[in-house]
Amino acid sequence: MPTTLIKSRLKAFNLQQGRCIYCELPMWSDDPESFAKKYKITTKQAKPFQCTAEHLEAKQDGGKDHESNIVAACHYCNQKRHQCKSPKDPVSYKHYVTNRLEKGKWNLCMMYRHSKRSRKIAISQSVLTSTGMHPFTSTPDRVRFG
């Protein structure tokens, strides 16, 4: 992975406070054992929560490795988004994941560890908005979708 992509992923991970852009569950960046211990899961169960660099505009569609095109997503959400025959845009995918989570039909390994109250807090602090903005950036139009 190029150094630029690694730096962009780490920056996004920190801006998103270690939470996936889509499911908003916690992720790990470099220490799966500590993550597993913290959440009382096995290291194997922690694998889907590994932080990945998610290209908002896919590389195959001309997306670049520039930090304005990179957000942090857990391995599970990133993989599922790109397994679709026609992947959804990031905002639509966020809504899809949120809907699936609310129905209990997403990455359930960690869902049982999060109360409804913490889930409501996570939803209210969403890092993707309906306008397609990333509110943690210093420039309001740095990340746009669609």
Protein backbone atom coordinates (compact mmCIF):
# COMPACT_ATOMS: atom_id res chain seq x y z
CA MET A 1 0.00 0.00 0.00
CA PRO A 2 1.54 3.34 -0.97
CA THR A 3 2.65 5.60 1.85
CA THR A 4 0.15 8.29 0.79
CA LEU A 5 -2.73 5.83 1.13
CA ILE A 6 -1.50 4.66 4.53
CA LYS A 7 -1.28 8.26 5.78
CA SER A 8 -4.71 9.09 4.37
CA ARG A 9 -6.23 6.01 6.02
CA LEU A 10 -4.66 6.84 9.37
CA LYS A 11 -5.79 10.45 9.15
CA ALA A 12 -9.35 9.36 8.33
CA PHE A 13 -9.24 6.78 11.17
CA ASN A 14 -8.30 9.51 13.64
CA LEU A 15 -10.83 12.03 12.29
CA GLN A 16 -13.55 9.42 12.58
CA GLN A 17 -12.47 8.62 16.13
CA GLY A 18 -11.68 5.02 15.20
CA ARG A 19 -15.19 4.25 13.93
CA CYS A 20 -16.26 2.91 10.57
CA ILE A 21 -17.70 5.49 8.19
CA TYR A 22 -20.62 3.16 7.40
CA CYS A 23 -21.56 1.05 10.44
CA GLU A 24 -19.97 3.38 13.02
CA LEU A 25 -18.67 0.44 15.02
CA PRO A 26 -15.15 0.66 16.44
CA MET A 27 -12.21 -0.46 14.30
CA TRP A 28 -8.61 -1.36 14.97
CA SER A 29 -5.70 -0.01 13.03
CA ASP A 30 -2.60 -1.83 14.18
CA ASP A 31 -3.30 -4.08 17.17
CA PRO A 32 -6.01 -6.73 16.74
CA GLU A 33 -5.08 -8.44 20.02
CA SER A 34 -5.76 -5.32 22.13
CA PHE A 35 -8.98 -4.67 20.22
CA ALA A 36 -10.13 -8.26 20.79
CA LYS A 37 -9.30 -8.07 24.47
CA LYS A 38 -11.10 -4.74 24.90
CA TYR A 39 -14.31 -6.04 23.29
CA LYS A 40 -14.01 -9.56 24.72
CA ILE A 41 -13.87 -11.27 21.34
CA THR A 42 -11.32 -13.51 19.67
CA THR A 43 -8.63 -12.19 17.36
CA LYS A 44 -10.40 -14.00 14.51
CA GLN A 45 -13.66 -12.18 15.36
CA ALA A 46 -11.74 -8.88 15.34
CA LYS A 47 -10.62 -9.31 11.71
CA PRO A 48 -13.79 -7.76 10.17
CA PHE A 49 -13.14 -4.63 12.24
CA GLN A 50 -9.73 -3.92 10.75
CA CYS A 51 -9.50 -0.36 9.44
CA THR A 52 -9.24 -0.12 5.66
CA ALA A 53 -8.88 2.82 3.31
CA GLU A 54 -12.19 3.23 1.52
CA HIS A 55 -12.14 5.12 -1.76
CA LEU A 56 -15.29 7.21 -2.01
CA GLU A 57 -14.87 7.18 -5.75
CA ALA A 58 -13.53 3.74 -6.63
CA LYS A 59 -10.12 3.54 -8.28
CA GLN A 60 -11.71 1.64 -11.17
CA ASP A 61 -13.95 4.67 -11.72
CA GLY A 62 -11.05 7.10 -11.70
CA GLY A 63 -10.83 7.71 -7.94
CA LYS A 64 -7.41 8.71 -6.65
CA ASP A 65 -5.47 7.89 -3.48
CA HIS A 66 -5.83 11.52 -2.38
CA GLU A 67 -6.98 12.12 1.19
CA SER A 68 -10.12 13.91 -0.04
CA ASN A 69 -11.20 10.59 -1.60
CA ILE A 70 -10.27 8.36 1.35
CA VAL A 71 -12.29 7.55 4.45
CA ALA A 72 -11.81 4.78 7.01
CA ALA A 73 -14.14 1.79 6.83
CA CYS A 74 -14.03 -1.53 8.59
CA HIS A 75 -12.95 -4.45 6.45
CA TYR A 76 -16.47 -5.93 6.62
CA CYS A 77 -18.29 -2.83 5.30
CA ASN A 78 -15.63 -2.12 2.68
CA GLN A 79 -15.71 -5.69 1.40
CA LYS A 80 -19.51 -5.88 1.32
CA ARG A 81 -19.82 -2.58 -0.56
CA HIS A 82 -17.52 -3.75 -3.32
CA GLN A 83 -19.00 -7.25 -3.57
CA CYS A 84 -22.25 -5.79 -4.92
CA LYS A 85 -22.80 -6.17 -8.66
CA SER A 86 -23.32 -2.42 -8.84
CA PRO A 87 -21.91 -0.80 -5.69
CA LYS A 88 -23.96 1.98 -4.12
CA ASP A 89 -22.57 5.48 -3.74
CA PRO A 90 -21.22 6.13 -0.20
CA VAL A 91 -24.28 7.99 1.10
CA SER A 92 -26.74 5.36 -0.20
CA TYR A 93 -24.53 2.60 1.18
CA LYS A 94 -24.42 4.34 4.58
CA HIS A 95 -28.23 4.39 4.65
CA TYR A 96 -28.32 0.73 3.59
CA VAL A 97 -25.88 -0.31 6.35
CA THR A 98 -27.73 1.74 8.99
CA ASN A 99 -31.01 0.12 7.98
CA ARG A 100 -29.48 -3.36 8.12
CA LEU A 101 -27.95 -2.63 11.54
CA GLU A 102 -31.29 -1.46 12.92
CA LYS A 103 -32.84 -4.74 11.74
CA GLY A 104 -30.00 -6.74 13.29
CA LYS A 105 -28.86 -8.01 9.89
CA TRP A 106 -25.30 -6.74 9.58
CA ASN A 107 -21.99 -7.56 11.21
CA LEU A 108 -23.52 -8.82 14.43
CA CYS A 109 -20.35 -9.91 16.18
CA MET A 110 -20.11 -6.51 17.89
CA MET A 111 -23.75 -5.44 17.77
CA TYR A 112 -24.53 -7.47 20.87
CA ARG A 113 -21.89 -5.49 22.74
CA HIS A 114 -23.47 -2.12 21.95
CA SER A 115 -26.60 -0.98 23.71
CA LYS A 116 -29.44 0.76 21.87
CA ARG A 117 -28.44 3.97 23.65
CA SER A 118 -24.86 3.90 22.30
CA ARG A 119 -26.23 3.03 18.84
CA LYS A 120 -28.49 6.13 18.94
CA ILE A 121 -25.52 8.28 19.93
CA ALA A 122 -23.47 6.86 17.05
CA ILE A 123 -26.25 7.56 14.56
CA SER A 124 -26.64 11.14 15.80
CA GLN A 125 -22.89 11.71 15.41
CA SER A 126 -22.74 10.24 11.92
CA VAL A 127 -19.66 11.18 9.92
CA LEU A 128 -21.55 11.04 6.63
CA THR A 129 -24.39 13.45 6.15
CA SER A 130 -27.25 13.53 3.69
CA THR A 131 -25.53 16.41 1.89
CA GLY A 132 -22.53 14.19 1.30
CA MET A 133 -20.21 16.21 3.51
CA HIS A 134 -17.58 14.98 5.89
CA PRO A 135 -18.09 17.34 8.88
CA PHE A 136 -14.66 16.71 10.43
CA THR A 137 -12.80 18.33 7.56
CA SER A 138 -11.62 21.91 7.71
CA THR A 139 -12.99 22.71 4.26
CA PRO A 140 -16.75 22.11 4.02
CA ASP A 141 -16.61 20.83 0.47
CA ARG A 142 -13.51 18.66 0.81
CA VAL A 143 -15.37 15.40 0.44
CA ARG A 144 -18.39 15.27 -1.82
CA PHE A 145 -20.26 12.24 -3.00
CA GLY A 146 -21.95 11.51 -6.31
